[in-house]
N, C-alpha and C. Protein backbone atom coordinates (compact mmCIF):
# COMPACT_ATOMS: atom_id res chain seq x y z
N MET A 1 0.80 -1.06 -0.10
CA MET A 1 0.01 0.01 -0.07
C MET A 1 0.90 1.24 0.10
N ARG A 2 0.59 2.07 -1.06
CA ARG A 2 1.50 3.45 -1.00
C ARG A 2 0.88 4.50 -0.15
N VAL A 3 1.66 4.98 0.54
CA VAL A 3 1.21 6.08 1.48
C VAL A 3 2.00 7.42 1.11
N PRO A 4 1.12 8.42 0.34
CA PRO A 4 1.77 9.50 -0.16
C PRO A 4 2.36 10.50 0.91
N VAL A 5 3.39 11.15 0.61
CA VAL A 5 4.13 12.18 1.61
C VAL A 5 3.84 13.45 1.02
N VAL A 6 3.57 14.43 1.82
CA VAL A 6 3.31 15.67 1.40
C VAL A 6 4.64 16.44 1.84
N ARG A 7 5.61 16.46 0.79
CA ARG A 7 6.83 17.07 0.91
C ARG A 7 6.97 18.45 1.60
N SER A 8 5.79 19.14 1.20
CA SER A 8 5.81 20.68 1.67
C SER A 8 5.63 20.59 3.21
N GLY A 9 5.17 19.50 3.83
CA GLY A 9 5.26 19.35 5.31
C GLY A 9 6.49 19.23 5.91
N VAL A 10 7.41 18.90 5.46
CA VAL A 10 8.77 18.65 6.12
C VAL A 10 9.61 19.78 5.86
N ALA A 11 10.09 20.68 6.99
CA ALA A 11 10.96 21.64 7.03
C ALA A 11 12.35 21.34 6.80
N ASP A 12 12.76 20.26 7.50
CA ASP A 12 14.20 19.86 7.60
C ASP A 12 14.29 18.59 8.12
N ALA A 13 15.45 17.73 7.89
CA ALA A 13 15.53 16.39 8.39
C ALA A 13 17.10 16.25 8.65
N ALA A 14 17.47 15.43 9.78
CA ALA A 14 18.63 14.98 10.01
C ALA A 14 18.90 13.32 10.09
N VAL A 15 19.68 12.97 9.33
CA VAL A 15 19.65 11.23 9.06
C VAL A 15 20.97 10.89 9.58
N PHE A 16 21.17 9.84 10.51
CA PHE A 16 22.35 9.39 11.06
C PHE A 16 22.12 7.96 11.42
N GLY A 17 23.19 7.53 11.99
CA GLY A 17 23.12 6.04 12.41
C GLY A 17 23.05 6.06 13.85
N VAL A 18 22.21 5.08 14.41
CA VAL A 18 22.05 4.78 15.67
C VAL A 18 22.48 3.35 15.94
N PRO A 19 22.76 2.86 17.40
CA PRO A 19 22.87 1.60 17.77
C PRO A 19 21.69 0.73 17.41
N ASP A 20 21.98 -0.61 16.87
CA ASP A 20 20.92 -1.57 16.57
C ASP A 20 21.49 -2.90 17.13
N PRO A 21 20.65 -3.60 17.96
CA PRO A 21 21.10 -4.87 18.40
C PRO A 21 21.32 -5.88 17.38
N GLU A 22 20.55 -5.78 16.34
CA GLU A 22 20.53 -6.82 15.24
C GLU A 22 21.56 -6.61 14.05
N TYR A 23 21.81 -5.44 13.63
CA TYR A 23 22.67 -5.05 12.70
C TYR A 23 23.84 -4.23 13.00
N GLY A 24 23.96 -3.75 14.22
CA GLY A 24 25.03 -2.92 14.78
C GLY A 24 24.67 -1.55 14.73
N GLU A 25 24.16 -1.19 13.57
CA GLU A 25 23.89 0.19 13.47
C GLU A 25 22.60 0.29 12.50
N ALA A 26 21.70 1.28 12.80
CA ALA A 26 20.38 1.42 11.91
C ALA A 26 20.32 2.77 11.54
N VAL A 27 19.53 3.06 10.59
CA VAL A 27 19.36 4.51 10.15
C VAL A 27 18.14 5.11 11.02
N ALA A 28 18.37 6.47 11.50
CA ALA A 28 17.60 7.33 12.31
C ALA A 28 17.36 8.47 11.51
N ALA A 29 16.15 9.05 11.51
CA ALA A 29 15.87 10.34 10.92
C ALA A 29 14.90 11.20 11.89
N HIS A 30 15.55 12.26 12.33
CA HIS A 30 14.88 13.36 13.18
C HIS A 30 14.24 14.28 12.07
N VAL A 31 12.99 14.59 12.12
CA VAL A 31 12.20 15.43 11.14
C VAL A 31 11.70 16.72 11.81
N GLU A 32 11.90 17.84 11.20
CA GLU A 32 11.27 18.93 11.66
C GLU A 32 10.19 19.36 10.76
N LEU A 33 8.95 19.31 11.18
CA LEU A 33 7.71 19.64 10.21
C LEU A 33 7.45 21.08 10.30
N LEU A 34 6.67 21.52 9.25
CA LEU A 34 6.28 23.04 9.15
C LEU A 34 4.91 22.99 10.13
N PRO A 35 4.67 24.21 10.57
CA PRO A 35 3.72 24.46 11.45
C PRO A 35 2.39 23.94 10.80
N GLY A 36 1.63 23.21 11.30
CA GLY A 36 0.26 22.72 11.04
C GLY A 36 0.42 21.39 10.05
N ALA A 37 1.65 20.77 9.73
CA ALA A 37 1.79 19.82 8.80
C ALA A 37 1.57 18.60 9.57
N LEU A 38 0.78 17.58 8.79
CA LEU A 38 0.54 16.21 9.33
C LEU A 38 1.22 15.19 8.48
N VAL A 39 2.42 14.71 8.96
CA VAL A 39 3.14 13.80 8.27
C VAL A 39 3.42 12.72 9.44
N THR A 40 3.15 11.21 8.90
CA THR A 40 3.34 10.27 9.74
C THR A 40 4.86 9.54 9.58
N THR A 41 4.98 8.76 10.45
CA THR A 41 6.21 7.91 10.37
C THR A 41 6.25 7.04 9.16
N GLU A 42 5.09 6.33 8.97
CA GLU A 42 5.02 5.49 7.57
C GLU A 42 5.11 6.20 6.44
N GLN A 43 4.62 7.52 6.47
CA GLN A 43 4.85 8.30 5.28
C GLN A 43 6.28 8.71 4.99
N VAL A 44 7.05 9.05 6.06
CA VAL A 44 8.40 9.30 5.96
C VAL A 44 9.15 8.03 5.25
N ARG A 45 8.83 6.94 5.85
CA ARG A 45 9.48 5.65 5.36
C ARG A 45 9.16 5.46 4.01
N ALA A 46 7.91 5.64 3.60
CA ALA A 46 7.59 5.23 2.20
C ALA A 46 8.22 6.24 1.27
N HIS A 47 8.32 7.53 1.70
CA HIS A 47 9.05 8.37 0.87
C HIS A 47 10.44 8.12 0.40
N VAL A 48 11.08 7.46 1.57
CA VAL A 48 12.48 7.31 1.26
C VAL A 48 12.59 6.02 0.60
N ARG A 49 11.85 5.09 0.90
CA ARG A 49 11.84 3.71 0.02
C ARG A 49 11.48 3.96 -1.37
N ASP A 50 10.86 4.95 -1.83
CA ASP A 50 10.33 5.30 -3.18
C ASP A 50 11.56 6.03 -3.88
N ASN A 51 12.44 6.52 -3.07
CA ASN A 51 13.47 7.43 -3.70
C ASN A 51 14.79 6.81 -3.48
N VAL A 52 15.03 5.84 -2.60
CA VAL A 52 16.59 5.48 -2.47
C VAL A 52 16.39 3.84 -2.14
N ALA A 53 17.31 3.21 -2.03
CA ALA A 53 17.36 1.83 -1.78
C ALA A 53 16.54 1.63 -0.44
N ARG A 54 15.87 0.30 -0.44
CA ARG A 54 15.09 0.10 0.72
C ARG A 54 15.90 0.03 2.07
N TYR A 55 17.08 -0.43 2.12
CA TYR A 55 17.84 -0.62 3.30
C TYR A 55 18.24 0.72 3.83
N LYS A 56 18.12 1.72 3.13
CA LYS A 56 18.40 3.20 3.54
C LYS A 56 17.09 3.80 4.19
N ALA A 57 16.07 3.12 4.38
CA ALA A 57 14.94 3.81 4.93
C ALA A 57 14.99 3.75 6.46
N PRO A 58 14.72 4.78 7.21
CA PRO A 58 14.98 4.81 8.57
C PRO A 58 14.13 3.78 9.41
N ARG A 59 14.75 3.14 10.40
CA ARG A 59 14.05 2.24 11.29
C ARG A 59 13.42 3.16 12.36
N VAL A 60 14.16 4.30 12.67
CA VAL A 60 13.61 5.13 13.76
C VAL A 60 13.34 6.45 13.23
N VAL A 61 12.12 7.08 13.39
CA VAL A 61 11.90 8.26 12.93
C VAL A 61 11.22 9.16 14.00
N VAL A 62 11.87 10.19 14.27
CA VAL A 62 11.41 11.13 15.50
C VAL A 62 11.05 12.52 14.89
N PHE A 63 10.01 12.99 15.29
CA PHE A 63 9.49 14.33 15.03
C PHE A 63 9.77 15.31 16.17
N GLU A 64 10.56 16.28 15.48
CA GLU A 64 10.96 17.46 16.48
C GLU A 64 10.32 18.68 16.12
N ASP A 65 9.92 19.59 17.28
CA ASP A 65 9.56 20.81 17.03
C ASP A 65 10.51 21.83 16.26
N ARG A 66 11.79 21.55 16.73
CA ARG A 66 12.86 22.22 16.15
C ARG A 66 14.17 21.41 16.21
N LEU A 67 14.98 21.43 15.21
CA LEU A 67 16.07 20.59 15.28
C LEU A 67 17.08 21.56 15.77
N PRO A 68 18.08 20.90 16.66
CA PRO A 68 18.98 21.85 17.12
C PRO A 68 20.08 22.20 15.91
N ARG A 69 20.46 23.52 15.95
CA ARG A 69 21.33 23.88 14.73
C ARG A 69 22.77 24.39 15.02
N GLU A 70 23.69 24.23 14.32
CA GLU A 70 24.99 24.83 14.36
C GLU A 70 24.94 26.33 13.93
N GLU A 71 25.99 26.93 14.28
CA GLU A 71 26.00 28.46 13.90
C GLU A 71 25.78 28.89 12.46
N SER A 72 26.17 27.66 11.63
CA SER A 72 25.97 27.80 10.11
C SER A 72 24.43 27.60 9.68
N GLY A 73 23.50 27.04 10.66
CA GLY A 73 22.27 26.77 10.35
C GLY A 73 22.09 25.41 9.85
N LYS A 74 23.04 24.55 9.80
CA LYS A 74 22.89 22.98 9.56
C LYS A 74 22.32 22.41 10.85
N PRO A 75 21.69 21.32 10.76
CA PRO A 75 21.22 20.64 11.86
C PRO A 75 22.45 19.96 12.55
N PHE A 76 22.41 20.10 13.91
CA PHE A 76 23.45 19.80 14.80
C PHE A 76 23.27 18.24 14.98
N LYS A 77 23.77 17.39 14.14
CA LYS A 77 23.68 15.96 14.30
C LYS A 77 24.11 15.30 15.53
N ARG A 78 25.43 15.88 15.73
CA ARG A 78 26.32 15.35 16.99
C ARG A 78 25.37 15.25 18.26
N ARG A 79 24.61 16.48 18.50
CA ARG A 79 23.81 16.48 19.71
C ARG A 79 22.52 15.57 19.58
N LEU A 80 22.04 15.39 18.45
CA LEU A 80 20.83 14.21 18.21
C LEU A 80 21.52 12.94 18.52
N LYS A 81 22.71 12.64 17.92
CA LYS A 81 23.31 11.31 18.27
C LYS A 81 23.62 11.03 19.55
N GLN A 82 24.09 11.95 20.44
CA GLN A 82 24.48 11.78 21.85
C GLN A 82 23.14 11.11 22.49
N ARG A 83 21.98 11.20 22.25
CA ARG A 83 20.83 10.64 22.95
C ARG A 83 20.97 9.13 22.70
N TYR A 84 21.56 8.55 21.67
CA TYR A 84 21.51 7.16 21.46
C TYR A 84 22.73 6.55 21.84
N TRP A 85 23.91 7.25 21.81
CA TRP A 85 25.33 6.54 21.80
C TRP A 85 25.74 6.79 23.23
N SER A 86 25.22 7.64 24.15
CA SER A 86 25.79 7.89 25.47
C SER A 86 25.52 6.88 26.45
């Protein structure tokens, strides 16, 4: 079953590896939505599977009100990773 994603609902995303007991590491995506957007975890996964190899689809999807940012404006992945690796 295809679940369409409203791309305009996603403001930004940070994708990185997290510990996984089965594979050693798994893909996680922290997604910042635009105000009022309704996007589900399955919609995010379906969008990724439709655009890249299936194994690159995130096992973990977390919706954030605001992603932490570096001074340059990029998502601060190291801060997000610390939640999983510490």
